[in-house]
Amino acid sequence: MFRGPFKGYGMNLIKQLRGDSAMTQAEFAEKLGVSQAHVSLIEGNIKKASPKLLEKAASVLGCDTSVFIEKTAFRDRQLAAILARLRDLDDETISAISLLIMGLRNGRNSSIRNEIEDQG
C-alpha cells in the first residue's frame, strides 16, 4: 500500500515541496544525508525512495508523510475511474491511446503533453 508514493507522482510532489521551500537539490540532499545525484534520481522518477528516506524528506520539508499517501490515494481513485471508462472502448481506440501514452512518456508529442498539462 505504501509503495505508491516512492515512484512516480509522489516524487514530483517532493520536488515541488523542495522548490517551494527554496531549497536546492544539494541542500536537500545534505539534510537527508544522501548525495545530490541520489535526490536527482528520485525526483526524476528513476530511483525509488525508501520509507526511511521518505520520512526524513517529510521532516526536512516540514510536512507529514501522509501528504504523499493522500496524494497517492487520490491518484489511485483517478486511475480507477479512467480504467472504468476504458473498458467501454474498442480495441482500436485503446491501441491509439496506448501509443499516445507511450509517446508522452518518451518525451514525444510535446504539444499534446503541454495541452494536457494546461488542462490539468
PDB file of N, CA and C in Angstrom:
ATOM      1  N   MET A   1       0.833  -1.206   0.000  1.00  0.00           N
ATOM      2  CA  MET A   1       0.000   0.000   0.000  1.00  0.00           C
ATOM      3  C   MET A   1       0.871   1.260   0.000  1.00  0.00           C
ATOM      4  N   PHE A   2       1.929   1.259   0.765  1.00  0.00           N
ATOM      5  CA  PHE A   2       2.752   2.454   0.912  1.00  0.00           C
ATOM      6  C   PHE A   2       3.760   2.590  -0.232  1.00  0.00           C
ATOM      7  N   ARG A   3       3.757   1.640  -1.159  1.00  0.00           N
ATOM      8  CA  ARG A   3       4.705   1.612  -2.265  1.00  0.00           C
ATOM      9  C   ARG A   3       4.495   2.757  -3.235  1.00  0.00           C
ATOM     10  N   GLY A   4       3.250   3.129  -3.488  1.00  0.00           N
ATOM     11  CA  GLY A   4       2.905   4.114  -4.499  1.00  0.00           C
ATOM     12  C   GLY A   4       3.690   5.411  -4.474  1.00  0.00           C
ATOM     13  N   PRO A   5       3.823   6.077  -3.327  1.00  0.00           N
ATOM     14  CA  PRO A   5       4.483   7.376  -3.348  1.00  0.00           C
ATOM     15  C   PRO A   5       5.979   7.321  -3.587  1.00  0.00           C
ATOM     16  N   PHE A   6       6.569   6.128  -3.590  1.00  0.00           N
ATOM     17  CA  PHE A   6       8.012   6.055  -3.742  1.00  0.00           C
ATOM     18  C   PHE A   6       8.460   6.247  -5.179  1.00  0.00           C
ATOM     19  N   LYS A   7       7.598   6.062  -6.133  1.00  0.00           N
ATOM     20  CA  LYS A   7       7.992   6.242  -7.521  1.00  0.00           C
ATOM     21  C   LYS A   7       6.829   6.883  -8.267  1.00  0.00           C
ATOM     22  N   GLY A   8       7.130   7.794  -9.137  1.00  0.00           N
ATOM     23  CA  GLY A   8       6.108   8.427  -9.932  1.00  0.00           C
ATOM     24  C   GLY A   8       5.685   9.744  -9.368  1.00  0.00           C
ATOM     25  N   TYR A   9       4.408   9.990  -9.356  1.00  0.00           N
ATOM     26  CA  TYR A   9       3.882  11.297  -8.991  1.00  0.00           C
ATOM     27  C   TYR A   9       4.221  11.731  -7.578  1.00  0.00           C
ATOM     28  N   GLY A  10       4.393  10.832  -6.642  1.00  0.00           N
ATOM     29  CA  GLY A  10       4.769  11.202  -5.283  1.00  0.00           C
ATOM     30  C   GLY A  10       6.086  11.902  -5.221  1.00  0.00           C
ATOM     31  N   MET A  11       7.035  11.465  -6.043  1.00  0.00           N
ATOM     32  CA  MET A  11       8.347  12.090  -6.059  1.00  0.00           C
ATOM     33  C   MET A  11       8.284  13.486  -6.668  1.00  0.00           C
ATOM     34  N   ASN A  12       7.387  13.686  -7.619  1.00  0.00           N
ATOM     35  CA  ASN A  12       7.216  15.027  -8.158  1.00  0.00           C
ATOM     36  C   ASN A  12       6.711  15.966  -7.066  1.00  0.00           C
ATOM     37  N   LEU A  13       5.946  15.438  -6.144  1.00  0.00           N
ATOM     38  CA  LEU A  13       5.483  16.247  -5.018  1.00  0.00           C
ATOM     39  C   LEU A  13       6.667  16.647  -4.136  1.00  0.00           C
ATOM     40  N   ILE A  14       7.594  15.736  -3.915  1.00  0.00           N
ATOM     41  CA  ILE A  14       8.788  16.073  -3.137  1.00  0.00           C
ATOM     42  C   ILE A  14       9.557  17.184  -3.841  1.00  0.00           C
ATOM     43  N   LYS A  15       9.717  17.065  -5.135  1.00  0.00           N
ATOM     44  CA  LYS A  15      10.419  18.092  -5.905  1.00  0.00           C
ATOM     45  C   LYS A  15       9.701  19.431  -5.787  1.00  0.00           C
ATOM     46  N   GLN A  16       8.381  19.400  -5.875  1.00  0.00           N
ATOM     47  CA  GLN A  16       7.597  20.634  -5.762  1.00  0.00           C
ATOM     48  C   GLN A  16       7.745  21.248  -4.376  1.00  0.00           C
ATOM     49  N   LEU A  17       7.637  20.437  -3.340  1.00  0.00           N
ATOM     50  CA  LEU A  17       7.766  20.942  -1.975  1.00  0.00           C
ATOM     51  C   LEU A  17       9.171  21.477  -1.711  1.00  0.00           C
ATOM     52  N   ARG A  18      10.174  20.792  -2.247  1.00  0.00           N
ATOM     53  CA  ARG A  18      11.553  21.270  -2.089  1.00  0.00           C
ATOM     54  C   ARG A  18      11.709  22.623  -2.770  1.00  0.00           C
ATOM     55  N   GLY A  19      11.159  22.741  -3.965  1.00  0.00           N
ATOM     56  CA  GLY A  19      11.224  24.012  -4.690  1.00  0.00           C
ATOM     57  C   GLY A  19      10.482  25.118  -3.967  1.00  0.00           C
ATOM     58  N   ASP A  20       9.318  24.772  -3.399  1.00  0.00           N
ATOM     59  CA  ASP A  20       8.533  25.755  -2.653  1.00  0.00           C
ATOM     60  C   ASP A  20       9.292  26.267  -1.433  1.00  0.00           C
ATOM     61  N   SER A  21      10.155  25.418  -0.881  1.00  0.00           N
ATOM     62  CA  SER A  21      10.930  25.835   0.293  1.00  0.00           C
ATOM     63  C   SER A  21      12.238  26.518  -0.110  1.00  0.00           C
ATOM     64  N   ALA A  22      12.417  26.758  -1.409  1.00  0.00           N
ATOM     65  CA  ALA A  22      13.599  27.441  -1.950  1.00  0.00           C
ATOM     66  C   ALA A  22      14.889  26.727  -1.567  1.00  0.00           C
ATOM     67  N   MET A  23      14.825  25.395  -1.550  1.00  0.00           N
ATOM     68  CA  MET A  23      15.979  24.589  -1.193  1.00  0.00           C
ATOM     69  C   MET A  23      16.539  23.957  -2.473  1.00  0.00           C
ATOM     70  N   THR A  24      17.838  24.055  -2.673  1.00  0.00           N
ATOM     71  CA  THR A  24      18.443  23.409  -3.826  1.00  0.00           C
ATOM     72  C   THR A  24      18.500  21.900  -3.607  1.00  0.00           C
ATOM     73  N   GLN A  25      18.707  21.165  -4.692  1.00  0.00           N
ATOM     74  CA  GLN A  25      18.873  19.719  -4.558  1.00  0.00           C
ATOM     75  C   GLN A  25      20.048  19.398  -3.644  1.00  0.00           C
ATOM     76  N   ALA A  26      21.130  20.161  -3.780  1.00  0.00           N
ATOM     77  CA  ALA A  26      22.320  19.911  -2.960  1.00  0.00           C
ATOM     78  C   ALA A  26      22.018  20.129  -1.478  1.00  0.00           C
ATOM     79  N   GLU A  27      21.318  21.202  -1.157  1.00  0.00           N
ATOM     80  CA  GLU A  27      20.957  21.482   0.245  1.00  0.00           C
ATOM     81  C   GLU A  27      20.031  20.390   0.785  1.00  0.00           C
ATOM     82  N   PHE A  28      19.062  20.015  -0.020  1.00  0.00           N
ATOM     83  CA  PHE A  28      18.109  18.981   0.377  1.00  0.00           C
ATOM     84  C   PHE A  28      18.825  17.657   0.606  1.00  0.00           C
ATOM     85  N   ALA A  29      19.710  17.304  -0.324  1.00  0.00           N
ATOM     86  CA  ALA A  29      20.468  16.054  -0.206  1.00  0.00           C
ATOM     87  C   ALA A  29      21.304  16.032   1.064  1.00  0.00           C
ATOM     88  N   GLU A  30      21.945  17.154   1.363  1.00  0.00           N
ATOM     89  CA  GLU A  30      22.776  17.230   2.562  1.00  0.00           C
ATOM     90  C   GLU A  30      21.933  16.998   3.818  1.00  0.00           C
ATOM     91  N   LYS A  31      20.761  17.612   3.863  1.00  0.00           N
ATOM     92  CA  LYS A  31      19.889  17.445   5.031  1.00  0.00           C
ATOM     93  C   LYS A  31      19.359  16.014   5.150  1.00  0.00           C
ATOM     94  N   LEU A  32      19.230  15.341   4.004  1.00  0.00           N
ATOM     95  CA  LEU A  32      18.760  13.953   4.011  1.00  0.00           C
ATOM     96  C   LEU A  32      19.891  12.965   4.279  1.00  0.00           C
ATOM     97  N   GLY A  33      21.146  13.442   4.094  1.00  0.00           N
ATOM     98  CA  GLY A  33      22.286  12.552   4.279  1.00  0.00           C
ATOM     99  C   GLY A  33      22.533  11.649   3.079  1.00  0.00           C
ATOM    100  N   VAL A  34      22.159  12.128   1.898  1.00  0.00           N
ATOM    101  CA  VAL A  34      22.398  11.382   0.660  1.00  0.00           C
ATOM    102  C   VAL A  34      23.061  12.314  -0.348  1.00  0.00           C
ATOM    103  N   SER A  35      23.471  11.768  -1.475  1.00  0.00           N
ATOM    104  CA  SER A  35      24.111  12.593  -2.500  1.00  0.00           C
ATOM    105  C   SER A  35      23.061  13.356  -3.306  1.00  0.00           C
ATOM    106  N   GLN A  36      23.511  14.423  -3.940  1.00  0.00           N
ATOM    107  CA  GLN A  36      22.626  15.186  -4.818  1.00  0.00           C
ATOM    108  C   GLN A  36      22.167  14.304  -5.978  1.00  0.00           C
ATOM    109  N   ALA A  37      23.054  13.447  -6.460  1.00  0.00           N
ATOM    110  CA  ALA A  37      22.699  12.541  -7.552  1.00  0.00           C
ATOM    111  C   ALA A  37      21.549  11.622  -7.137  1.00  0.00           C
ATOM    112  N   HIS A  38      21.577  11.174  -5.884  1.00  0.00           N
ATOM    113  CA  HIS A  38      20.520  10.309  -5.366  1.00  0.00           C
ATOM    114  C   HIS A  38      19.176  11.049  -5.383  1.00  0.00           C
ATOM    115  N   VAL A  39      19.171  12.283  -4.921  1.00  0.00           N
ATOM    116  CA  VAL A  39      17.948  13.091  -4.926  1.00  0.00           C
ATOM    117  C   VAL A  39      17.475  13.307  -6.359  1.00  0.00           C
ATOM    118  N   SER A  40      18.390  13.583  -7.254  1.00  0.00           N
ATOM    119  CA  SER A  40      18.039  13.800  -8.655  1.00  0.00           C
ATOM    120  C   SER A  40      17.366  12.570  -9.253  1.00  0.00           C
ATOM    121  N   LEU A  41      17.885  11.389  -8.945  1.00  0.00           N
ATOM    122  CA  LEU A  41      17.300  10.150  -9.455  1.00  0.00           C
ATOM    123  C   LEU A  41      15.898   9.922  -8.893  1.00  0.00           C
ATOM    124  N   ILE A  42      15.709  10.253  -7.632  1.00  0.00           N
ATOM    125  CA  ILE A  42      14.382  10.099  -7.017  1.00  0.00           C
ATOM    126  C   ILE A  42      13.403  11.097  -7.624  1.00  0.00           C
ATOM    127  N   GLU A  43      13.811  12.345  -7.712  1.00  0.00           N
ATOM    128  CA  GLU A  43      12.923  13.365  -8.273  1.00  0.00           C
ATOM    129  C   GLU A  43      12.642  13.118  -9.751  1.00  0.00           C
ATOM    130  N   GLY A  44      13.564  12.466 -10.433  1.00  0.00           N
ATOM    131  CA  GLY A  44      13.376  12.141 -11.840  1.00  0.00           C
ATOM    132  C   GLY A  44      12.622  10.842 -12.057  1.00  0.00           C
ATOM    133  N   ASN A  45      12.133  10.242 -10.972  1.00  0.00           N
ATOM    134  CA  ASN A  45      11.362   9.001 -11.028  1.00  0.00           C
ATOM    135  C   ASN A  45      12.164   7.833 -11.590  1.00  0.00           C
ATOM    136  N   ILE A  46      13.467   7.867 -11.372  1.00  0.00           N
ATOM    137  CA  ILE A  46      14.333   6.796 -11.839  1.00  0.00           C
ATOM    138  C   ILE A  46      14.649   5.830 -10.697  1.00  0.00           C
ATOM    139  N   LYS A  47      14.757   6.373  -9.508  1.00  0.00           N
ATOM    140  CA  LYS A  47      15.081   5.574  -8.326  1.00  0.00           C
ATOM    141  C   LYS A  47      13.965   5.724  -7.297  1.00  0.00           C
ATOM    142  N   LYS A  48      13.711   4.652  -6.585  1.00  0.00           N
ATOM    143  CA  LYS A  48      12.693   4.680  -5.542  1.00  0.00           C
ATOM    144  C   LYS A  48      13.295   5.157  -4.225  1.00  0.00           C
ATOM    145  N   ALA A  49      12.518   5.899  -3.470  1.00  0.00           N
ATOM    146  CA  ALA A  49      12.935   6.321  -2.130  1.00  0.00           C
ATOM    147  C   ALA A  49      12.497   5.257  -1.134  1.00  0.00           C
ATOM    148  N   SER A  50      13.317   5.010  -0.166  1.00  0.00           N
ATOM    149  CA  SER A  50      12.946   4.061   0.890  1.00  0.00           C
ATOM    150  C   SER A  50      11.957   4.738   1.830  1.00  0.00           C
ATOM    151  N   PRO A  51      11.187   3.954   2.584  1.00  0.00           N
ATOM    152  CA  PRO A  51      10.278   4.564   3.562  1.00  0.00           C
ATOM    153  C   PRO A  51      11.026   5.462   4.551  1.00  0.00           C
ATOM    154  N   LYS A  52      12.225   5.041   4.962  1.00  0.00           N
ATOM    155  CA  LYS A  52      13.016   5.840   5.907  1.00  0.00           C
ATOM    156  C   LYS A  52      13.401   7.182   5.286  1.00  0.00           C
ATOM    157  N   LEU A  53      13.821   7.176   4.020  1.00  0.00           N
ATOM    158  CA  LEU A  53      14.198   8.408   3.348  1.00  0.00           C
ATOM    159  C   LEU A  53      12.977   9.307   3.140  1.00  0.00           C
ATOM    160  N   LEU A  54      11.847   8.704   2.850  1.00  0.00           N
ATOM    161  CA  LEU A  54      10.628   9.484   2.686  1.00  0.00           C
ATOM    162  C   LEU A  54      10.243  10.171   3.998  1.00  0.00           C
ATOM    163  N   GLU A  55      10.425   9.478   5.113  1.00  0.00           N
ATOM    164  CA  GLU A  55      10.150  10.084   6.415  1.00  0.00           C
ATOM    165  C   GLU A  55      11.106  11.255   6.683  1.00  0.00           C
ATOM    166  N   LYS A  56      12.379  11.076   6.340  1.00  0.00           N
ATOM    167  CA  LYS A  56      13.346  12.171   6.501  1.00  0.00           C
ATOM    168  C   LYS A  56      12.959  13.353   5.628  1.00  0.00           C
ATOM    169  N   ALA A  57      12.562  13.058   4.380  1.00  0.00           N
ATOM    170  CA  ALA A  57      12.184  14.126   3.449  1.00  0.00           C
ATOM    171  C   ALA A  57      10.994  14.909   4.004  1.00  0.00           C
ATOM    172  N   ALA A  58      10.005  14.208   4.529  1.00  0.00           N
ATOM    173  CA  ALA A  58       8.841  14.882   5.102  1.00  0.00           C
ATOM    174  C   ALA A  58       9.260  15.776   6.263  1.00  0.00           C
ATOM    175  N   SER A  59      10.165  15.285   7.085  1.00  0.00           N
ATOM    176  CA  SER A  59      10.648  16.074   8.221  1.00  0.00           C
ATOM    177  C   SER A  59      11.380  17.326   7.746  1.00  0.00           C
ATOM    178  N   VAL A  60      12.267  17.165   6.780  1.00  0.00           N
ATOM    179  CA  VAL A  60      13.035  18.299   6.254  1.00  0.00           C
ATOM    180  C   VAL A  60      12.106  19.314   5.580  1.00  0.00           C
ATOM    181  N   LEU A  61      11.084  18.818   4.900  1.00  0.00           N
ATOM    182  CA  LEU A  61      10.162  19.698   4.167  1.00  0.00           C
ATOM    183  C   LEU A  61       9.065  20.280   5.061  1.00  0.00           C
ATOM    184  N   GLY A  62       9.009  19.815   6.307  1.00  0.00           N
ATOM    185  CA  GLY A  62       8.023  20.347   7.246  1.00  0.00           C
ATOM    186  C   GLY A  62       6.609  19.873   6.971  1.00  0.00           C
ATOM    187  N   CYS A  63       6.478  18.634   6.490  1.00  0.00           N
ATOM    188  CA  CYS A  63       5.146  18.081   6.251  1.00  0.00           C
ATOM    189  C   CYS A  63       5.088  16.678   6.827  1.00  0.00           C
ATOM    190  N   ASP A  64       3.945  16.083   6.764  1.00  0.00           N
ATOM    191  CA  ASP A  64       3.743  14.730   7.256  1.00  0.00           C
ATOM    192  C   ASP A  64       3.795  13.761   6.085  1.00  0.00           C
ATOM    193  N   THR A  65       4.251  12.539   6.323  1.00  0.00           N
ATOM    194  CA  THR A  65       4.300  11.553   5.239  1.00  0.00           C
ATOM    195  C   THR A  65       2.912  11.257   4.687  1.00  0.00           C
ATOM    196  N   SER A  66       1.874  11.546   5.443  1.00  0.00           N
ATOM    197  CA  SER A  66       0.509  11.306   4.959  1.00  0.00           C
ATOM    198  C   SER A  66       0.200  12.134   3.714  1.00  0.00           C
ATOM    199  N   VAL A  67       0.922  13.246   3.532  1.00  0.00           N
ATOM    200  CA  VAL A  67       0.737  14.065   2.322  1.00  0.00           C
ATOM    201  C   VAL A  67       0.993  13.212   1.094  1.00  0.00           C
ATOM    202  N   PHE A  68       2.022  12.399   1.134  1.00  0.00           N
ATOM    203  CA  PHE A  68       2.364  11.558  -0.007  1.00  0.00           C
ATOM    204  C   PHE A  68       1.344  10.436  -0.179  1.00  0.00           C
ATOM    205  N   ILE A  69       0.875   9.884   0.923  1.00  0.00           N
ATOM    206  CA  ILE A  69      -0.108   8.802   0.866  1.00  0.00           C
ATOM    207  C   ILE A  69      -1.439   9.326   0.345  1.00  0.00           C
ATOM    208  N   GLU A  70      -1.880  10.482   0.837  1.00  0.00           N
ATOM    209  CA  GLU A  70      -3.153  11.052   0.391  1.00  0.00           C
ATOM    210  C   GLU A  70      -3.105  11.372  -1.095  1.00  0.00           C
ATOM    211  N   LYS A  71      -1.983  11.894  -1.550  1.00  0.00           N
ATOM    212  CA  LYS A  71      -1.830  12.206  -2.970  1.00  0.00           C
ATOM    213  C   LYS A  71      -1.914  10.914  -3.780  1.00  0.00           C
ATOM    214  N   THR A  72      -1.302   9.850  -3.281  1.00  0.00           N
ATOM    215  CA  THR A  72      -1.331   8.568  -3.964  1.00  0.00           C
ATOM    216  C   THR A  72      -2.749   8.011  -4.001  1.00  0.00           C
ATOM    217  N   ALA A  73      -3.466   8.085  -2.898  1.00  0.00           N
ATOM    218  CA  ALA A  73      -4.831   7.575  -2.853  1.00  0.00           C
ATOM    219  C   ALA A  73      -5.724   8.331  -3.832  1.00  0.00           C
ATOM    220  N   PHE A  74      -5.559   9.636  -3.906  1.00  0.00           N
ATOM    221  CA  PHE A  74      -6.333  10.445  -4.840  1.00  0.00           C
ATOM    222  C   PHE A  74      -6.042  10.017  -6.272  1.00  0.00           C
ATOM    223  N   ARG A  75      -4.768   9.847  -6.599  1.00  0.00           N
ATOM    224  CA  ARG A  75      -4.381   9.435  -7.955  1.00  0.00           C
ATOM    225  C   ARG A  75      -4.911   8.040  -8.255  1.00  0.00           C
ATOM    226  N   ASP A  76      -4.881   7.141  -7.277  1.00  0.00           N
ATOM    227  CA  ASP A  76      -5.413   5.794  -7.488  1.00  0.00           C
ATOM    228  C   ASP A  76      -6.896   5.835  -7.832  1.00  0.00           C
ATOM    229  N   ARG A  77      -7.635   6.717  -7.166  1.00  0.00           N
ATOM    230  CA  ARG A  77      -9.068   6.852  -7.479  1.00  0.00           C
ATOM    231  C   ARG A  77      -9.264   7.396  -8.893  1.00  0.00           C
ATOM    232  N   GLN A  78      -8.413   8.343  -9.287  1.00  0.00           N
ATOM    233  CA  GLN A  78      -8.497   8.887 -10.647  1.00  0.00           C
ATOM    234  C   GLN A  78      -8.218   7.798 -11.675  1.00  0.00           C
ATOM    235  N   LEU A  79      -7.193   6.999 -11.432  1.00  0.00           N
ATOM    236  CA  LEU A  79      -6.847   5.931 -12.359  1.00  0.00           C
ATOM    237  C   LEU A  79      -7.953   4.879 -12.445  1.00  0.00           C
ATOM    238  N   ALA A  80      -8.578   4.565 -11.334  1.00  0.00           N
ATOM    239  CA  ALA A  80      -9.687   3.599 -11.345  1.00  0.00           C
ATOM    240  C   ALA A  80     -10.841   4.118 -12.194  1.00  0.00           C
ATOM    241  N   ALA A  81     -11.139   5.407 -12.103  1.00  0.00           N
ATOM    242  CA  ALA A  81     -12.207   6.000 -12.912  1.00  0.00           C
ATOM    243  C   ALA A  81     -11.855   5.953 -14.396  1.00  0.00           C
ATOM    244  N   ILE A  82     -10.595   6.219 -14.719  1.00  0.00           N
ATOM    245  CA  ILE A  82     -10.156   6.162 -16.119  1.00  0.00           C
ATOM    246  C   ILE A  82     -10.261   4.732 -16.642  1.00  0.00           C
ATOM    247  N   LEU A  83      -9.809   3.768 -15.857  1.00  0.00           N
ATOM    248  CA  LEU A  83      -9.882   2.372 -16.280  1.00  0.00           C
ATOM    249  C   LEU A  83     -11.326   1.927 -16.520  1.00  0.00           C
ATOM    250  N   ALA A  84     -12.232   2.388 -15.681  1.00  0.00           N
ATOM    251  CA  ALA A  84     -13.642   2.045 -15.868  1.00  0.00           C
ATOM    252  C   ALA A  84     -14.153   2.561 -17.208  1.00  0.00           C
ATOM    253  N   ARG A  85     -13.721   3.747 -17.591  1.00  0.00           N
ATOM    254  CA  ARG A  85     -14.134   4.308 -18.890  1.00  0.00           C
ATOM    255  C   ARG A  85     -13.476   3.580 -20.049  1.00  0.00           C
ATOM    256  N   LEU A  86     -12.239   3.157 -19.871  1.00  0.00           N
ATOM    257  CA  LEU A  86     -11.514   2.467 -20.941  1.00  0.00           C
ATOM    258  C   LEU A  86     -12.147   1.124 -21.286  1.00  0.00           C
ATOM    259  N   ARG A  87     -12.784   0.497 -20.336  1.00  0.00           N
ATOM    260  CA  ARG A  87     -13.397  -0.811 -20.580  1.00  0.00           C
ATOM    261  C   ARG A  87     -14.457  -0.762 -21.668  1.00  0.00           C
ATOM    262  N   ASP A  88     -15.053   0.393 -21.877  1.00  0.00           N
ATOM    263  CA  ASP A  88     -16.110   0.532 -22.878  1.00  0.00           C
ATOM    264  C   ASP A  88     -15.587   0.865 -24.271  1.00  0.00           C
ATOM    265  N   LEU A  89     -14.289   1.088 -24.411  1.00  0.00           N
ATOM    266  CA  LEU A  89     -13.716   1.478 -25.693  1.00  0.00           C
ATOM    267  C   LEU A  89     -13.366   0.256 -26.540  1.00  0.00           C
ATOM    268  N   ASP A  90     -13.382   0.455 -27.873  1.00  0.00           N
ATOM    269  CA  ASP A  90     -12.993  -0.628 -28.768  1.00  0.00           C
ATOM    270  C   ASP A  90     -11.470  -0.763 -28.801  1.00  0.00           C
ATOM    271  N   ASP A  91     -10.998  -1.884 -29.330  1.00  0.00           N
ATOM    272  CA  ASP A  91      -9.563  -2.183 -29.340  1.00  0.00           C
ATOM    273  C   ASP A  91      -8.752  -1.141 -30.107  1.00  0.00           C
ATOM    274  N   GLU A  92      -9.282  -0.633 -31.195  1.00  0.00           N
ATOM    275  CA  GLU A  92      -8.561   0.355 -31.997  1.00  0.00           C
ATOM    276  C   GLU A  92      -8.339   1.648 -31.215  1.00  0.00           C
ATOM    277  N   THR A  93      -9.346   2.075 -30.501  1.00  0.00           N
ATOM    278  CA  THR A  93      -9.230   3.294 -29.698  1.00  0.00           C
ATOM    279  C   THR A  93      -8.246   3.087 -28.549  1.00  0.00           C
ATOM    280  N   ILE A  94      -8.316   1.937 -27.902  1.00  0.00           N
ATOM    281  CA  ILE A  94      -7.387   1.633 -26.808  1.00  0.00           C
ATOM    282  C   ILE A  94      -5.956   1.596 -27.326  1.00  0.00           C
ATOM    283  N   SER A  95      -5.740   1.026 -28.513  1.00  0.00           N
ATOM    284  CA  SER A  95      -4.414   0.987 -29.110  1.00  0.00           C
ATOM    285  C   SER A  95      -3.894   2.398 -29.394  1.00  0.00           C
ATOM    286  N   ALA A  96      -4.758   3.271 -29.908  1.00  0.00           N
ATOM    287  CA  ALA A  96      -4.362   4.655 -30.183  1.00  0.00           C
ATOM    288  C   ALA A  96      -3.996   5.387 -28.899  1.00  0.00           C
ATOM    289  N   ILE A  97      -4.773   5.167 -27.846  1.00  0.00           N
ATOM    290  CA  ILE A  97      -4.484   5.791 -26.548  1.00  0.00           C
ATOM    291  C   ILE A  97      -3.157   5.277 -26.005  1.00  0.00           C
ATOM    292  N   SER A  98      -2.913   3.982 -26.154  1.00  0.00           N
ATOM    293  CA  SER A  98      -1.664   3.389 -25.685  1.00  0.00           C
ATOM    294  C   SER A  98      -0.465   4.008 -26.394  1.00  0.00           C
ATOM    295  N   LEU A  99      -0.553   4.186 -27.706  1.00  0.00           N
ATOM    296  CA  LEU A  99       0.533   4.818 -28.459  1.00  0.00           C
ATOM    297  C   LEU A  99       0.755   6.261 -28.007  1.00  0.00           C
ATOM    298  N   LEU A 100      -0.325   6.967 -27.751  1.00  0.00           N
ATOM    299  CA  LEU A 100      -0.221   8.342 -27.273  1.00  0.00           C
ATOM    300  C   LEU A 100       0.497   8.398 -25.930  1.00  0.00           C
ATOM    301  N   ILE A 101       0.125   7.510 -25.030  1.00  0.00           N
ATOM    302  CA  ILE A 101       0.742   7.480 -23.701  1.00  0.00           C
ATOM    303  C   ILE A 101       2.226   7.148 -23.802  1.00  0.00           C
ATOM    304  N   MET A 102       2.566   6.168 -24.635  1.00  0.00           N
ATOM    305  CA  MET A 102       3.982   5.818 -24.800  1.00  0.00           C
ATOM    306  C   MET A 102       4.759   7.004 -25.364  1.00  0.00           C
ATOM    307  N   GLY A 103       4.167   7.725 -26.294  1.00  0.00           N
ATOM    308  CA  GLY A 103       4.817   8.903 -26.840  1.00  0.00           C
ATOM    309  C   GLY A 103       5.024   9.976 -25.789  1.00  0.00           C
ATOM    310  N   LEU A 104       4.032  10.173 -24.947  1.00  0.00           N
ATOM    311  CA  LEU A 104       4.151  11.159 -23.879  1.00  0.00           C
ATOM    312  C   LEU A 104       5.232  10.767 -22.883  1.00  0.00           C
ATOM    313  N   ARG A 105       5.285   9.487 -22.545  1.00  0.00           N
ATOM    314  CA  ARG A 105       6.290   9.016 -21.586  1.00  0.00           C
ATOM    315  C   ARG A 105       7.697   9.152 -22.134  1.00  0.00           C
ATOM    316  N   ASN A 106       7.833   9.052 -23.449  1.00  0.00           N
ATOM    317  CA  ASN A 106       9.154   9.138 -24.078  1.00  0.00           C
ATOM    318  C   ASN A 106       9.508  10.556 -24.494  1.00  0.00           C
ATOM    319  N   GLY A 107       8.685  11.529 -24.112  1.00  0.00           N
ATOM    320  CA  GLY A 107       9.002  12.918 -24.394  1.00  0.00           C
ATOM    321  C   GLY A 107       8.576  13.393 -25.767  1.00  0.00           C
ATOM    322  N   ARG A 108       7.929  12.514 -26.524  1.00  0.00           N
ATOM    323  CA  ARG A 108       7.432  12.930 -27.830  1.00  0.00           C
ATOM    324  C   ARG A 108       6.083  13.591 -27.662  1.00  0.00           C
ATOM    325  N   ASN A 109       5.579  14.141 -28.728  1.00  0.00           N
ATOM    326  CA  ASN A 109       4.269  14.793 -28.710  1.00  0.00           C
ATOM    327  C   ASN A 109       4.218  15.888 -27.658  1.00  0.00           C
ATOM    328  N   SER A 110       5.258  16.724 -27.621  1.00  0.00           N
ATOM    329  CA  SER A 110       5.335  17.752 -26.579  1.00  0.00           C
ATOM    330  C   SER A 110       4.166  18.721 -26.649  1.00  0.00           C
ATOM    331  N   SER A 111       3.634  18.978 -27.841  1.00  0.00           N
ATOM    332  CA  SER A 111       2.490  19.890 -27.923  1.00  0.00           C
ATOM    333  C   SER A 111       1.269  19.264 -27.264  1.00  0.00           C
ATOM    334  N   ILE A 112       1.103  17.952 -27.414  1.00  0.00           N
ATOM    335  CA  ILE A 112      -0.014  17.267 -26.753  1.00  0.00           C
ATOM    336  C   ILE A 112       0.214  17.261 -25.248  1.00  0.00           C
ATOM    337  N   ARG A 113       1.461  16.980 -24.831  1.00  0.00           N
ATOM    338  CA  ARG A 113       1.778  16.985 -23.397  1.00  0.00           C
ATOM    339  C   ARG A 113       1.479  18.354 -22.791  1.00  0.00           C
ATOM    340  N   ASN A 114       1.886  19.418 -23.479  1.00  0.00           N
ATOM    341  CA  ASN A 114       1.638  20.771 -22.971  1.00  0.00           C
ATOM    342  C   ASN A 114       0.149  21.050 -22.878  1.00  0.00           C
ATOM    343  N   GLU A 115      -0.599  20.605 -23.871  1.00  0.00           N
ATOM    344  CA  GLU A 115      -2.044  20.825 -23.855  1.00  0.00           C
ATOM    345  C   GLU A 115      -2.699  20.080 -22.695  1.00  0.00           C
ATOM    346  N   ILE A 116      -2.272  18.844 -22.474  1.00  0.00           N
ATOM    347  CA  ILE A 116      -2.812  18.058 -21.356  1.00  0.00           C
ATOM    348  C   ILE A 116      -2.463  18.709 -20.027  1.00  0.00           C
ATOM    349  N   GLU A 117      -1.224  19.164 -19.868  1.00  0.00           N
ATOM    350  CA  GLU A 117      -0.806  19.801 -18.622  1.00  0.00           C
ATOM    351  C   GLU A 117      -1.557  21.109 -18.397  1.00  0.00           C
ATOM    352  N   ASP A 118      -1.838  21.851 -19.473  1.00  0.00           N
ATOM    353  CA  ASP A 118      -2.595  23.098 -19.343  1.00  0.00           C
ATOM    354  C   ASP A 118      -4.008  22.836 -18.850  1.00  0.00           C
ATOM    355  N   GLN A 119      -4.583  21.706 -19.269  1.00  0.00           N
ATOM    356  CA  GLN A 119      -5.952  21.368 -18.867  1.00  0.00           C
ATOM    357  C   GLN A 119      -5.995  20.802 -17.455  1.00  0.00           C
ATOM    358  N   GLY A 120      -4.904  20.181 -17.006  1.00  0.00           N
ATOM    359  CA  GLY A 120      -4.890  19.517 -15.699  1.00  0.00           C
ATOM    360  C   GLY A 120      -4.525  20.456 -14.636  1.00  0.00           C
TER     361      GLY A 120
END
